[in-house]
């Protein structure tokens, strides 16, 4: 039976998807809640400077980037759940340290500890352990959608929550969310009977060289680095600008709610144009251009008034949401068939590194040249990204496929891979004999599904 013939998740797979999505969602919600309010809070702290404010916002990205792949590899040795429990506990401890902090340095320390609870890779590996290959894409998509929803929810409710319980309360809430995540892993998510390496879902050390030499993947890695650099730097300035335009801090949710809704609606036609009309590269480059234009507009918006500021923020988030949605898809389409997990690991590390650099350099730029200079910095980064992205190859309508086989000798695996590559529409095929898995990259427009099914059936 091929992977397309069994489209229903089992109850255990549904529990896995919902439980791990909850873990990921609660954790990211805790990280994001401070973004729309921290710059305002930091002004009241003793000894605070724009540089230290930026460092406090972005420092979690440094420890997250440094530890997520090592913790993922460690989970191959000692198990997924111990790593996830330990990571969420570190996240809760860091949140408590920040909640009790009386000065900026202790908040920075707390945020660094939060980031050290780097469970992303272990969560993805656990999801792969508990799901069949044909259902894995659905589970990963569920987790991915939860991350996006957490970000948008944090933007909308963060200012209101800050008004109710203050920044200390937000950090305590974040600690509670981490403990809820531990309970979900313990009580909802099944424990796998066997853990093994999944090349489609986690980093494999032997694949790093191929991924880091791949020009188009490096362009995409720079893209997510730049996108989260610009995003983190933006939130060092926008909350202050909204306040200076006459909007009280507790009412900033009234801006972020329509901004998020309108920006999502605005990006939908372009997603359809990119995927259905095969215009991915023009749409992608256009979104980067819009990102840079929005930065320049925000730079010039100091005297423009609240409504102009809101319009420019809508433009920014329309571009941001479109790029955030398309970048992972491009990585998946571009990565070698048997190195998708490694490519996504490097991509995720680049994302968190961008958040760190955006906070640190954005804070330094603010301190040296003023608030508006943050947007000039962002526009320059967007221009560099546009120049790099212009050289990427036109993405095809490619997709990954996994075929579950029986274990076989290396020579037989290579013969099987050669046969798979002869099927129309199969662009790459790698059969890992000792794993009993075939990793395929296929062209969705030309793949001969009947031939693929017949080929596999003949060797079942």
Foldseek 3Di string as FASTA:
>chain_A
DFLVVDDDWDPLLVLLLVLLLLLLLLLLLLLQLCLQPQLVVQVPAPPGALLLSLLLNQLLLVLLLVPQQVLLVVCLPVHLLVLLLVLLQQLLQLLLQLLPDRHSVSSSVSSNSNSNSHNVLSSLQLSVLRGDQSCSVVSVVSSVVSSVVSNLVSQQCSLQVCVVPNPSVSSNSSSVSSVVSSVSCVPRNDGHPDGDDAQQGAADVVCLVVQVVQQQLVLLLLVLLLLLLLSLLVSSFVSVLLVVLPDDSSCSSVLSVVLVVLLVVLQVVLVCCCQVVVPVLVSLLVLLVLLLVLLVQCLVCSPVHDVSVSVSSSSNSSSSVNSVVCSLVQLQQRDAQRNNNNSVSSSSSSNSNSSSNSSNVSSVQCNPPHSSVSSVVSSVSSVVSSVSSVPDDRGAQKHKGKDAAAADDPVVQVVLQVVVCVFWFWPGWGGDRRRRMIITMGHPVIGDVVVVVVSVVVVD
